[in-house]
Structure formats: structure tokens, C-alpha cells
């Protein structure tokens, strides 16, 4: 929180979301995956979260890709391109 405090203006509206796994899919077909550390361990195994999320959007064929496996392993919290 201390890091974020200096990044926003006083009175700015912010939203803090607890979402260790996120997916962004763009109209041009590019897909990005973010896997963050889960300090509270409330979301279950990241492998299962990613697989379920990919299945939900019809991209389950990407679940075994090297980029997805690396994003899960690293849990770096940054967007990783996972589409071909």
C-alpha cells in the first residue's frame, strides 16, 4: 500500500482487486496471461485457475503451451503473451 500511495493523486478513486490469475484477449487474437503470487492461498492451484479460465473463453488448447507453463511457474505478476 505504501508504494501505491505515492503513485496516485489525493482523492483519486482506486480499486484493489484480489485476482491472482488474469487473462486479456484482444480483437486481433492476441492473448495475455498474468499469474501473480497468491499470498492468501484462497484461489487454489494456479494451474487449475489458468486451465479453467482458458476453458471459459474457449482457449483450452493454450493450457499446455510453454508460455503458459512459464507464466505459472514464475508467477511474476506481469502480462505474458501466450497466443501464437
C-alpha atoms as a PDB file:
ATOM      1  CA  UNK A   1       0.000   0.000   0.000  1.00  0.00           C
ATOM      2  CA  UNK A   2       2.851   2.358   0.748  1.00  0.00           C
ATOM      3  CA  UNK A   3       4.165   2.001  -2.803  1.00  0.00           C
ATOM      4  CA  UNK A   4       0.742   2.719  -4.258  1.00  0.00           C
ATOM      5  CA  UNK A   5       0.191   5.774  -2.073  1.00  0.00           C
ATOM      6  CA  UNK A   6       2.811   7.797  -3.934  1.00  0.00           C
ATOM      7  CA  UNK A   7       1.521   6.715  -7.338  1.00  0.00           C
ATOM      8  CA  UNK A   8      -1.965   8.237  -7.123  1.00  0.00           C
ATOM      9  CA  UNK A   9      -3.294  11.719  -6.575  1.00  0.00           C
ATOM     10  CA  UNK A  10      -5.149  12.613  -3.405  1.00  0.00           C
ATOM     11  CA  UNK A  11      -8.846  11.958  -3.977  1.00  0.00           C
ATOM     12  CA  UNK A  12      -8.264   9.534  -6.863  1.00  0.00           C
ATOM     13  CA  UNK A  13     -10.591   6.568  -6.979  1.00  0.00           C
ATOM     14  CA  UNK A  14      -8.721   3.267  -6.911  1.00  0.00           C
ATOM     15  CA  UNK A  15      -9.813  -0.330  -6.930  1.00  0.00           C
ATOM     16  CA  UNK A  16      -7.691  -3.078  -5.478  1.00  0.00           C
ATOM     17  CA  UNK A  17      -8.608  -6.481  -6.830  1.00  0.00           C
ATOM     18  CA  UNK A  18      -7.637  -9.853  -5.452  1.00  0.00           C
ATOM     19  CA  UNK A  19      -7.296 -11.796  -8.667  1.00  0.00           C
ATOM     20  CA  UNK A  20      -4.102 -13.871  -8.832  1.00  0.00           C
ATOM     21  CA  UNK A  21      -4.801 -15.048 -12.404  1.00  0.00           C
ATOM     22  CA  UNK A  22      -5.966 -12.683 -15.145  1.00  0.00           C
ATOM     23  CA  UNK A  23      -6.436 -13.055 -18.867  1.00  0.00           C
ATOM     24  CA  UNK A  24      -6.723 -10.380 -21.555  1.00  0.00           C
ATOM     25  CA  UNK A  25      -7.954 -11.263 -25.028  1.00  0.00           C
ATOM     26  CA  UNK A  26      -7.859  -8.664 -27.783  1.00  0.00           C
ATOM     27  CA  UNK A  27      -9.810  -8.495 -31.016  1.00  0.00           C
ATOM     28  CA  UNK A  28      -6.715  -9.170 -33.095  1.00  0.00           C
ATOM     29  CA  UNK A  29      -6.319 -12.575 -31.420  1.00  0.00           C
ATOM     30  CA  UNK A  30      -3.538 -11.738 -29.011  1.00  0.00           C
ATOM     31  CA  UNK A  31      -3.935 -13.220 -25.561  1.00  0.00           C
ATOM     32  CA  UNK A  32      -2.040 -12.208 -22.445  1.00  0.00           C
ATOM     33  CA  UNK A  33      -1.907 -14.076 -19.163  1.00  0.00           C
ATOM     34  CA  UNK A  34      -0.921 -12.702 -15.768  1.00  0.00           C
ATOM     35  CA  UNK A  35      -0.177 -15.012 -12.874  1.00  0.00           C
ATOM     36  CA  UNK A  36       0.535 -13.339  -9.560  1.00  0.00           C
ATOM     37  CA  UNK A  37       1.725 -14.833  -6.299  1.00  0.00           C
ATOM     38  CA  UNK A  38      -1.234 -15.762  -4.089  1.00  0.00           C
ATOM     39  CA  UNK A  39      -0.157 -14.768  -0.578  1.00  0.00           C
ATOM     40  CA  UNK A  40      -3.533 -15.682   0.952  1.00  0.00           C
ATOM     41  CA  UNK A  41      -3.796 -19.029  -0.856  1.00  0.00           C
ATOM     42  CA  UNK A  42      -7.516 -18.530  -1.355  1.00  0.00           C
ATOM     43  CA  UNK A  43      -7.738 -19.185  -5.071  1.00  0.00           C
ATOM     44  CA  UNK A  44      -6.453 -22.722  -5.290  1.00  0.00           C
ATOM     45  CA  UNK A  45      -3.690 -24.016  -7.514  1.00  0.00           C
ATOM     46  CA  UNK A  46      -2.719 -21.576 -10.274  1.00  0.00           C
ATOM     47  CA  UNK A  47      -2.567 -24.412 -12.820  1.00  0.00           C
ATOM     48  CA  UNK A  48      -6.244 -25.156 -12.230  1.00  0.00           C
ATOM     49  CA  UNK A  49      -7.183 -21.478 -12.269  1.00  0.00           C
ATOM     50  CA  UNK A  50      -5.432 -20.917 -15.588  1.00  0.00           C
ATOM     51  CA  UNK A  51      -6.914 -24.056 -17.133  1.00  0.00           C
ATOM     52  CA  UNK A  52     -10.435 -23.091 -16.005  1.00  0.00           C
ATOM     53  CA  UNK A  53     -10.038 -19.522 -17.216  1.00  0.00           C
ATOM     54  CA  UNK A  54      -8.749 -20.642 -20.623  1.00  0.00           C
ATOM     55  CA  UNK A  55     -11.593 -23.167 -20.916  1.00  0.00           C
ATOM     56  CA  UNK A  56     -14.145 -20.463 -20.088  1.00  0.00           C
ATOM     57  CA  UNK A  57     -13.022 -18.345 -23.039  1.00  0.00           C
ATOM     58  CA  UNK A  58     -12.550 -21.279 -25.426  1.00  0.00           C
ATOM     59  CA  UNK A  59      -8.759 -21.273 -25.384  1.00  0.00           C
ATOM     60  CA  UNK A  60      -8.077 -24.504 -23.514  1.00  0.00           C
ATOM     61  CA  UNK A  61      -5.697 -25.571 -26.312  1.00  0.00           C
ATOM     62  CA  UNK A  62      -3.206 -22.979 -24.968  1.00  0.00           C
ATOM     63  CA  UNK A  63      -3.092 -24.519 -21.478  1.00  0.00           C
ATOM     64  CA  UNK A  64      -0.062 -26.687 -22.180  1.00  0.00           C
ATOM     65  CA  UNK A  65       1.934 -24.124 -24.111  1.00  0.00           C
ATOM     66  CA  UNK A  66       5.450 -23.246 -22.930  1.00  0.00           C
ATOM     67  CA  UNK A  67       4.452 -19.604 -22.379  1.00  0.00           C
ATOM     68  CA  UNK A  68       1.565 -20.607 -20.094  1.00  0.00           C
ATOM     69  CA  UNK A  69       3.698 -23.093 -18.157  1.00  0.00           C
ATOM     70  CA  UNK A  70       6.397 -20.460 -17.687  1.00  0.00           C
ATOM     71  CA  UNK A  71       3.913 -17.802 -16.525  1.00  0.00           C
ATOM     72  CA  UNK A  72       2.528 -20.232 -13.938  1.00  0.00           C
ATOM     73  CA  UNK A  73       5.973 -21.266 -12.761  1.00  0.00           C
ATOM     74  CA  UNK A  74       7.321 -17.722 -12.440  1.00  0.00           C
ATOM     75  CA  UNK A  75       4.184 -16.036 -11.038  1.00  0.00           C
ATOM     76  CA  UNK A  76       5.849 -12.730 -11.883  1.00  0.00           C
ATOM     77  CA  UNK A  77       2.633 -10.698 -11.939  1.00  0.00           C
ATOM     78  CA  UNK A  78       3.210  -9.288 -15.415  1.00  0.00           C
ATOM     79  CA  UNK A  79       1.320  -9.803 -18.641  1.00  0.00           C
ATOM     80  CA  UNK A  80       2.820 -12.560 -20.776  1.00  0.00           C
ATOM     81  CA  UNK A  81       1.884 -13.091 -24.422  1.00  0.00           C
ATOM     82  CA  UNK A  82       0.514 -16.629 -24.711  1.00  0.00           C
ATOM     83  CA  UNK A  83      -1.087 -16.590 -28.153  1.00  0.00           C
ATOM     84  CA  UNK A  84       0.890 -17.795 -31.155  1.00  0.00           C
END
